[in-house]
C-alpha atoms as a PDB file:
ATOM      1  CA  MET A   1      82.284 103.374  90.554  1.00  0.00           C
ATOM      2  CA  ALA A   2      84.406 100.625  92.110  1.00  0.00           C
ATOM      3  CA  GLU A   3      83.368  99.307  95.482  1.00  0.00           C
ATOM      4  CA  ASN A   4      85.864  99.800  98.318  1.00  0.00           C
ATOM      5  CA  LYS A   5      86.980  96.644 100.091  1.00  0.00           C
ATOM      6  CA  ARG A   6      86.935  96.554 103.889  1.00  0.00           C
ATOM      7  CA  PHE A   7      89.366  93.745 104.797  1.00  0.00           C
ATOM      8  CA  ILE A   8      92.981  93.123 103.789  1.00  0.00           C
ATOM      9  CA  VAL A   9      94.421  89.631 104.176  1.00  0.00           C
ATOM     10  CA  PHE A  10      98.204  89.695 104.659  1.00  0.00           C
ATOM     11  CA  ALA A  11     100.258  86.488 104.326  1.00  0.00           C
ATOM     12  CA  TYR A  12     103.998  86.338 105.119  1.00  0.00           C
ATOM     13  CA  ASP A  13     106.777  84.433 106.858  1.00  0.00           C
ATOM     14  CA  ASP A  14     107.213  85.364 110.515  1.00  0.00           C
ATOM     15  CA  HIS A  15     110.984  85.803 110.126  1.00  0.00           C
ATOM     16  CA  GLU A  16     110.370  88.718 107.733  1.00  0.00           C
ATOM     17  CA  ARG A  17     108.777  92.040 108.516  1.00  0.00           C
ATOM     18  CA  GLY A  18     105.149  91.648 107.436  1.00  0.00           C
ATOM     19  CA  GLY A  19     102.286  93.875 106.455  1.00  0.00           C
ATOM     20  CA  GLY A  20     103.761  95.518 103.380  1.00  0.00           C
ATOM     21  CA  CYS A  21     102.209  95.759  99.927  1.00  0.00           C
ATOM     22  CA  ASN A  22     104.034  92.625  98.787  1.00  0.00           C
ATOM     23  CA  ASP A  23     102.343  90.663 101.590  1.00  0.00           C
ATOM     24  CA  ILE A  24      98.762  91.426 100.510  1.00  0.00           C
ATOM     25  CA  HIS A  25      97.084  88.121  99.694  1.00  0.00           C
ATOM     26  CA  SER A  26      93.593  89.486  99.027  1.00  0.00           C
ATOM     27  CA  LEU A  27      91.076  92.269  99.599  1.00  0.00           C
ATOM     28  CA  THR A  28      87.519  91.361 100.579  1.00  0.00           C
ATOM     29  CA  ASN A  29      84.171  92.968 101.343  1.00  0.00           C
ATOM     30  CA  THR A  30      83.160  90.726 104.251  1.00  0.00           C
ATOM     31  CA  PHE A  31      84.912  89.128 107.207  1.00  0.00           C
ATOM     32  CA  GLU A  32      83.680  85.708 106.061  1.00  0.00           C
ATOM     33  CA  GLU A  33      85.417  86.164 102.704  1.00  0.00           C
ATOM     34  CA  ALA A  34      88.577  87.278 104.516  1.00  0.00           C
ATOM     35  CA  GLU A  35      88.503  84.167 106.730  1.00  0.00           C
ATOM     36  CA  GLN A  36      88.103  81.939 103.683  1.00  0.00           C
ATOM     37  CA  ALA A  37      91.082  83.616 102.007  1.00  0.00           C
ATOM     38  CA  ALA A  38      93.158  83.361 105.198  1.00  0.00           C
ATOM     39  CA  CYS A  39      92.403  79.653 105.535  1.00  0.00           C
ATOM     40  CA  SER A  40      92.963  78.842 101.857  1.00  0.00           C
ATOM     41  CA  GLU A  41      95.871  76.692 100.747  1.00  0.00           C
ATOM     42  CA  GLU A  42      97.031  79.555  98.541  1.00  0.00           C
ATOM     43  CA  GLY A  43      97.087  81.966 101.508  1.00  0.00           C
ATOM     44  CA  ARG A  44      98.962  79.589 103.776  1.00  0.00           C
ATOM     45  CA  SER A  45     101.337  78.098 101.226  1.00  0.00           C
ATOM     46  CA  ASN A  46     104.931  79.156 101.934  1.00  0.00           C
ATOM     47  CA  ASN A  47     103.781  81.465 104.760  1.00  0.00           C
ATOM     48  CA  ASP A  48     103.880  81.204 108.547  1.00  0.00           C
ATOM     49  CA  THR A  49     101.532  84.063 109.409  1.00  0.00           C
ATOM     50  CA  VAL A  50      98.220  85.250 107.949  1.00  0.00           C
ATOM     51  CA  GLU A  51      96.489  88.357 109.330  1.00  0.00           C
ATOM     52  CA  ILE A  52      93.139  89.978 108.641  1.00  0.00           C
ATOM     53  CA  TYR A  53      93.180  93.760 108.867  1.00  0.00           C
ATOM     54  CA  ASP A  54      89.934  95.765 109.107  1.00  0.00           C
ATOM     55  CA  ILE A  55      90.307  99.074 107.267  1.00  0.00           C
ATOM     56  CA  GLN A  56      87.302 100.660 109.023  1.00  0.00           C
ATOM     57  CA  GLN A  57      88.547  99.784 112.528  1.00  0.00           C
ATOM     58  CA  GLU A  58      92.161 100.462 111.497  1.00  0.00           C
ATOM     59  CA  LYS A  59      93.541  97.355 113.217  1.00  0.00           C
ATOM     60  CA  ALA A  60      94.358  93.683 112.741  1.00  0.00           C
ATOM     61  CA  ILE A  61      91.373  91.741 114.003  1.00  0.00           C
ATOM     62  CA  CYS A  62      92.450  88.139 113.527  1.00  0.00           C
ATOM     63  CA  SER A  63      95.726  86.275 112.961  1.00  0.00           C
ATOM     64  CA  PHE A  64      96.678  82.724 112.091  1.00  0.00           C
ATOM     65  CA  TYR A  65     100.106  81.279 112.945  1.00  0.00           C
ATOM     66  CA  ARG A  66     101.800  78.044 111.898  1.00  0.00           C
ATOM     67  CA  THR A  67     103.234  76.227 114.917  1.00  0.00           C
ATOM     68  CA  VAL A  68     106.534  74.336 114.976  1.00  0.00           C
ATOM     69  CA  SER A  69     104.584  71.114 114.435  1.00  0.00           C
ATOM     70  CA  GLY A  70     102.941  72.597 111.319  1.00  0.00           C
ATOM     71  CA  ASP A  71      99.477  73.135 112.797  1.00  0.00           C
ATOM     72  CA  TRP A  72      97.654  76.434 112.302  1.00  0.00           C
ATOM     73  CA  VAL A  73      96.426  78.357 115.363  1.00  0.00           C
ATOM     74  CA  ARG A  74      93.940  81.226 115.319  1.00  0.00           C
ATOM     75  CA  ASP A  75      94.649  84.257 117.522  1.00  0.00           C
ATOM     76  CA  GLU A  76      92.140  87.075 117.958  1.00  0.00           C
END
């Protein structure tokens, strides 16, 4: 039987409505894995926003945003 993942990492541009199926970057078992995916070059490439959603808590628990200067900021 397949193991259910707990965290969804969404990656999208902030000028588009995010959080849809096309914005799923990865599914992970642990928060640490989700953070690694959210901070990866692949996750941030061509995106302005990366969010980690906890399926058990049913809410976004951490977000990363690209600033105007190109730096990434973490928001909890």
